[in-house]
């Protein structure tokens, strides 16, 4: 009885995690594109840190999804080991 409800909760939270991963990946890609577009000899350090922050958020969520064995439409070549 409780196992079925737990499975539904896990499935729901796994889907939320995947949606959050996709949104964070899009945000990270946008930050990288912005950094490249604005790149000059004296790059704004704040812009670099914002890009790095988005990358770290994405990597954390990616590791969490792997730990929970969540499968989605993620591309394995996104992460450079």
Foldseek 3Di string as FASTA:
>chain_A
DVVVVVVVVLVVVLVVLVVVLVVLVVVLVVLVVVQVVPDDPDGDVVSVVSNVVSVVVNVVSVVVCVVSVRDDPDDPVPDDD
